[in-house]
């Protein structure tokens, strides 16, 4: 009976040894840097670094675009102010179709009481009309 118990004990030890060998091989493949999870972690880490660099570049590009848009907006506002002044001055010019061939009597001199209205521009300057 003791001999049978020793055979079972030896068979169990050999089986446990083979099981440990199989687990060790699987663990090596699992941590392999080329094919296993270790490789996937290394690839993901490099992709994270690339994405961080891309994010920094995109942020810088957005800041540059913002500055450019801000400059263009200021220029457009200045051009709009000049156009408003030009349009306001066009009202002072008589229309050619309204001009009559008969001379008009001279107008009485009018006292200049200052500007009719004052337009405050966004840049803080006062524009008189």
Protein backbone atom coordinates (compact mmCIF):
# COMPACT_ATOMS: atom_id res chain seq x y z
CA UNK A 1 0.00 0.00 0.00
CA UNK A 2 2.85 2.31 0.75
CA UNK A 3 4.27 1.68 -2.70
CA UNK A 4 1.02 2.76 -4.38
CA UNK A 5 0.90 5.94 -2.30
CA UNK A 6 4.48 6.77 -3.29
CA UNK A 7 3.64 6.23 -6.99
CA UNK A 8 0.63 8.55 -6.72
CA UNK A 9 2.73 11.10 -4.89
CA UNK A 10 5.46 10.98 -7.54
CA UNK A 11 2.88 11.22 -10.35
CA UNK A 12 1.30 14.23 -8.64
CA UNK A 13 4.69 15.93 -8.28
CA UNK A 14 5.53 15.28 -11.95
CA UNK A 15 2.09 16.60 -12.98
CA UNK A 16 2.54 19.75 -10.84
CA UNK A 17 6.01 20.25 -12.38
CA UNK A 18 4.63 19.95 -15.92
CA UNK A 19 1.81 22.38 -15.03
CA UNK A 20 4.35 24.92 -13.70
CA UNK A 21 6.42 24.51 -16.89
CA UNK A 22 3.37 25.20 -19.07
CA UNK A 23 2.43 28.25 -16.96
CA UNK A 24 6.00 29.60 -17.17
CA UNK A 25 5.96 29.36 -20.99
CA UNK A 26 2.58 31.07 -21.18
CA UNK A 27 3.78 33.84 -18.89
CA UNK A 28 6.85 34.39 -21.10
CA UNK A 29 4.63 34.71 -24.17
CA UNK A 30 2.28 36.99 -22.29
CA UNK A 31 5.09 39.39 -21.35
CA UNK A 32 6.89 39.10 -24.71
CA UNK A 33 7.63 42.63 -26.01
CA UNK A 34 6.96 41.72 -29.64
CA UNK A 35 3.80 39.61 -29.55
CA UNK A 36 2.26 39.66 -26.10
CA UNK A 37 0.65 42.16 -23.77
CA UNK A 38 4.06 43.71 -23.07
CA UNK A 39 4.30 44.59 -26.76
CA UNK A 40 0.79 46.02 -26.75
CA UNK A 41 1.61 48.14 -23.70
CA UNK A 42 4.81 49.39 -25.38
CA UNK A 43 2.90 50.28 -28.58
CA UNK A 44 0.15 52.05 -26.62
CA UNK A 45 2.74 53.98 -24.63
CA UNK A 46 4.42 55.23 -27.81
CA UNK A 47 1.02 56.15 -29.26
CA UNK A 48 0.19 58.13 -26.12
CA UNK A 49 3.47 60.05 -26.51
CA UNK A 50 2.69 60.75 -30.18
CA UNK A 51 -0.80 61.94 -29.26
CA UNK A 52 0.58 64.26 -26.60
CA UNK A 53 2.97 65.79 -29.15
CA UNK A 54 0.12 66.18 -31.63
CA UNK A 55 -2.02 67.80 -28.96
CA UNK A 56 0.70 70.34 -28.15
CA UNK A 57 1.13 71.13 -31.87
CA UNK A 58 -2.64 71.50 -32.33
CA UNK A 59 -2.83 73.81 -29.33
CA UNK A 60 -0.05 76.01 -30.74
CA UNK A 61 -1.75 76.07 -34.15
CA UNK A 62 -5.04 77.07 -32.51
CA UNK A 63 -3.34 79.89 -30.61
CA UNK A 64 -1.71 81.14 -33.81
CA UNK A 65 -5.05 80.96 -35.63
CA UNK A 66 -6.71 82.83 -32.76
CA UNK A 67 -4.15 85.64 -32.98
CA UNK A 68 -4.58 85.80 -36.76
CA UNK A 69 -8.38 85.88 -36.49
CA UNK A 70 -8.19 88.55 -33.81
CA UNK A 71 -5.95 90.69 -36.04
CA UNK A 72 -8.24 90.22 -39.03
CA UNK A 73 -11.27 91.11 -36.91
CA UNK A 74 -9.65 94.35 -35.78
CA UNK A 75 -8.80 95.21 -39.37
CA UNK A 76 -12.35 94.41 -40.48
CA UNK A 77 -13.81 96.61 -37.74
CA UNK A 78 -11.55 99.48 -38.78
CA UNK A 79 -12.58 99.03 -42.43
CA UNK A 80 -16.26 98.93 -41.38
CA UNK A 81 -15.81 102.20 -39.49
CA UNK A 82 -14.21 103.83 -42.53
CA UNK A 83 -17.06 102.56 -44.72
CA UNK A 84 -19.63 103.97 -42.29
CA UNK A 85 -17.91 107.34 -42.44
CA UNK A 86 -17.83 107.19 -46.24
CA UNK A 87 -21.52 106.25 -46.39
CA UNK A 88 -22.38 109.10 -44.05
CA UNK A 89 -20.41 111.52 -46.19
CA UNK A 90 -22.21 110.27 -49.33
CA UNK A 91 -25.47 111.68 -47.97
CA UNK A 92 -23.96 115.16 -48.25
CA UNK A 93 -23.41 114.83 -52.00
CA UNK A 94 -26.40 115.85 -54.09
CA UNK A 95 -27.79 113.26 -56.46
CA UNK A 96 -27.11 114.15 -60.12
CA UNK A 97 -30.71 113.42 -61.15
CA UNK A 98 -32.00 115.90 -58.54
CA UNK A 99 -29.83 118.76 -59.84
CA UNK A 100 -31.92 121.44 -61.52
CA UNK A 101 -30.63 123.58 -64.39
CA UNK A 102 -31.78 126.78 -62.65
CA UNK A 103 -29.37 128.35 -60.23
CA UNK A 104 -30.35 128.15 -56.60
CA UNK A 105 -30.22 131.22 -54.42
CA UNK A 106 -27.30 131.34 -52.02
CA UNK A 107 -28.07 130.03 -48.59
CA UNK A 108 -27.75 132.11 -45.50
CA UNK A 109 -24.66 131.36 -43.48
CA UNK A 110 -25.40 128.92 -40.68
CA UNK A 111 -23.59 129.02 -37.39
CA UNK A 112 -21.41 126.03 -36.75
CA UNK A 113 -22.51 124.60 -33.40
CA UNK A 114 -20.11 121.68 -33.47
CA UNK A 115 -20.63 118.13 -34.64
CA UNK A 116 -24.11 116.86 -35.35
CA UNK A 117 -23.35 113.56 -33.65
CA UNK A 118 -20.35 111.89 -32.12
CA UNK A 119 -19.68 108.25 -32.81
CA UNK A 120 -17.50 106.50 -30.27
CA UNK A 121 -15.34 103.89 -31.94
CA UNK A 122 -14.26 100.68 -30.25
CA UNK A 123 -10.68 101.88 -30.13
CA UNK A 124 -11.67 104.81 -27.91
CA UNK A 125 -11.34 107.60 -30.49
CA UNK A 126 -14.22 109.98 -31.10
CA UNK A 127 -15.34 110.41 -34.71
CA UNK A 128 -17.12 113.70 -35.46
CA UNK A 129 -19.67 114.13 -38.27
